[in-house]
Amino acid sequence: MLTEEIAGIAFDRENAPSLFQARHDTMHVVQAGQWRRFSVAQVAEAAGIVP
């Protein structure tokens, strides 16, 4: 099974976040009862796509 992990959030069918939403430059993720907020820059850096 392919699992993508960015900034400590695992994205796969079994562990899909119950909420994944963005507003302005902040991404909100609720997964396994935990709410996390990340800036878009943090996620881009964790994914290795920052120039």
N, C-alpha and C. Protein backbone atom coordinates (compact mmCIF):
# COMPACT_ATOMS: atom_id res chain seq x y z
N MET A 1 0.84 -1.18 0.00
CA MET A 1 0.00 0.00 0.00
C MET A 1 0.88 1.24 0.00
N LEU A 2 0.50 2.20 -0.78
CA LEU A 2 1.24 3.44 -0.88
C LEU A 2 0.73 4.41 0.18
N THR A 3 1.62 4.92 0.98
CA THR A 3 1.27 5.92 1.99
C THR A 3 2.17 7.13 1.77
N GLU A 4 1.57 8.27 1.67
CA GLU A 4 2.28 9.54 1.55
C GLU A 4 2.24 10.21 2.90
N GLU A 5 3.38 10.69 3.39
CA GLU A 5 3.41 11.37 4.67
C GLU A 5 4.03 12.74 4.48
N ILE A 6 3.32 13.75 4.93
CA ILE A 6 3.80 15.12 4.85
C ILE A 6 3.59 15.75 6.22
N ALA A 7 4.64 16.30 6.78
CA ALA A 7 4.58 17.01 8.06
C ALA A 7 3.94 16.16 9.16
N GLY A 8 4.23 14.86 9.15
CA GLY A 8 3.72 13.99 10.20
C GLY A 8 2.30 13.50 10.00
N ILE A 9 1.68 13.84 8.87
CA ILE A 9 0.32 13.39 8.58
C ILE A 9 0.40 12.31 7.52
N ALA A 10 -0.10 11.13 7.84
CA ALA A 10 -0.11 10.02 6.87
C ALA A 10 -1.38 10.10 6.04
N PHE A 11 -1.22 10.01 4.73
CA PHE A 11 -2.35 10.05 3.81
C PHE A 11 -2.48 8.69 3.13
N ASP A 12 -3.40 7.89 3.61
CA ASP A 12 -3.74 6.63 2.96
C ASP A 12 -5.21 6.34 3.25
N ARG A 13 -5.75 5.30 2.66
CA ARG A 13 -7.19 5.03 2.82
C ARG A 13 -7.58 4.68 4.25
N GLU A 14 -6.76 3.94 4.96
CA GLU A 14 -7.11 3.53 6.32
C GLU A 14 -6.99 4.68 7.32
N ASN A 15 -6.09 5.61 7.09
CA ASN A 15 -5.83 6.69 8.04
C ASN A 15 -6.13 8.06 7.48
N ALA A 16 -7.11 8.14 6.63
CA ALA A 16 -7.43 9.43 6.01
C ALA A 16 -7.86 10.44 7.06
N PRO A 17 -7.43 11.69 6.95
CA PRO A 17 -7.87 12.71 7.89
C PRO A 17 -9.39 12.87 7.83
N SER A 18 -10.02 13.12 8.97
CA SER A 18 -11.45 13.37 8.98
C SER A 18 -11.77 14.79 8.53
N LEU A 19 -10.78 15.66 8.60
CA LEU A 19 -10.93 17.04 8.09
C LEU A 19 -9.60 17.46 7.49
N PHE A 20 -9.66 18.02 6.31
CA PHE A 20 -8.48 18.59 5.66
C PHE A 20 -8.98 19.84 4.96
N GLN A 21 -8.63 20.99 5.51
CA GLN A 21 -9.17 22.25 5.01
C GLN A 21 -8.09 23.32 5.06
N ALA A 22 -8.15 24.24 4.14
CA ALA A 22 -7.19 25.35 4.12
C ALA A 22 -7.94 26.67 4.11
N ARG A 23 -7.34 27.63 4.78
CA ARG A 23 -7.88 28.99 4.78
C ARG A 23 -6.70 29.94 4.78
N HIS A 24 -6.66 30.80 3.81
CA HIS A 24 -5.54 31.71 3.61
C HIS A 24 -4.25 30.89 3.47
N ASP A 25 -3.27 31.08 4.33
CA ASP A 25 -2.02 30.33 4.20
C ASP A 25 -1.88 29.24 5.25
N THR A 26 -3.00 28.83 5.88
CA THR A 26 -2.97 27.83 6.93
C THR A 26 -3.79 26.61 6.54
N MET A 27 -3.21 25.43 6.75
CA MET A 27 -3.90 24.18 6.49
C MET A 27 -4.29 23.58 7.84
N HIS A 28 -5.54 23.11 7.94
CA HIS A 28 -6.06 22.50 9.16
C HIS A 28 -6.31 21.03 8.86
N VAL A 29 -5.81 20.15 9.72
CA VAL A 29 -5.97 18.71 9.54
C VAL A 29 -6.40 18.11 10.88
N VAL A 30 -7.49 17.34 10.84
CA VAL A 30 -7.92 16.56 12.00
C VAL A 30 -7.76 15.10 11.62
N GLN A 31 -6.97 14.39 12.41
CA GLN A 31 -6.70 12.98 12.15
C GLN A 31 -6.48 12.29 13.48
N ALA A 32 -7.16 11.18 13.68
CA ALA A 32 -7.03 10.39 14.91
C ALA A 32 -7.29 11.24 16.16
N GLY A 33 -8.28 12.12 16.07
CA GLY A 33 -8.65 12.94 17.21
C GLY A 33 -7.72 14.09 17.52
N GLN A 34 -6.76 14.36 16.67
CA GLN A 34 -5.83 15.47 16.89
C GLN A 34 -6.00 16.52 15.80
N TRP A 35 -6.05 17.79 16.23
CA TRP A 35 -6.16 18.90 15.28
C TRP A 35 -4.78 19.50 15.13
N ARG A 36 -4.33 19.63 13.90
CA ARG A 36 -3.03 20.23 13.63
C ARG A 36 -3.20 21.35 12.62
N ARG A 37 -2.39 22.39 12.78
CA ARG A 37 -2.38 23.51 11.83
C ARG A 37 -0.97 23.65 11.28
N PHE A 38 -0.89 23.88 9.98
CA PHE A 38 0.39 24.07 9.31
C PHE A 38 0.27 25.23 8.35
N SER A 39 1.35 25.96 8.19
CA SER A 39 1.35 26.96 7.13
C SER A 39 1.63 26.23 5.82
N VAL A 40 1.19 26.81 4.73
CA VAL A 40 1.44 26.22 3.42
C VAL A 40 2.95 26.09 3.20
N ALA A 41 3.74 27.04 3.68
CA ALA A 41 5.19 26.98 3.54
C ALA A 41 5.76 25.78 4.27
N GLN A 42 5.25 25.46 5.47
CA GLN A 42 5.73 24.28 6.22
C GLN A 42 5.45 22.99 5.46
N VAL A 43 4.26 22.88 4.89
CA VAL A 43 3.89 21.68 4.15
C VAL A 43 4.73 21.56 2.89
N ALA A 44 4.93 22.67 2.18
CA ALA A 44 5.76 22.65 0.96
C ALA A 44 7.19 22.24 1.29
N GLU A 45 7.73 22.74 2.38
CA GLU A 45 9.09 22.38 2.79
C GLU A 45 9.16 20.90 3.14
N ALA A 46 8.19 20.39 3.90
CA ALA A 46 8.17 18.98 4.28
C ALA A 46 8.04 18.06 3.05
N ALA A 47 7.34 18.54 2.03
CA ALA A 47 7.17 17.76 0.80
C ALA A 47 8.34 17.91 -0.15
N GLY A 48 9.27 18.81 0.19
CA GLY A 48 10.45 19.01 -0.65
C GLY A 48 10.18 19.79 -1.92
N ILE A 49 9.19 20.66 -1.90
CA ILE A 49 8.86 21.42 -3.11
C ILE A 49 9.13 22.91 -2.98
N VAL A 50 9.91 23.29 -1.98
CA VAL A 50 10.29 24.70 -1.82
C VAL A 50 11.51 24.95 -2.72
N PRO A 51 11.43 26.00 -3.52
CA PRO A 51 12.57 26.29 -4.43
C PRO A 51 13.85 26.63 -3.68
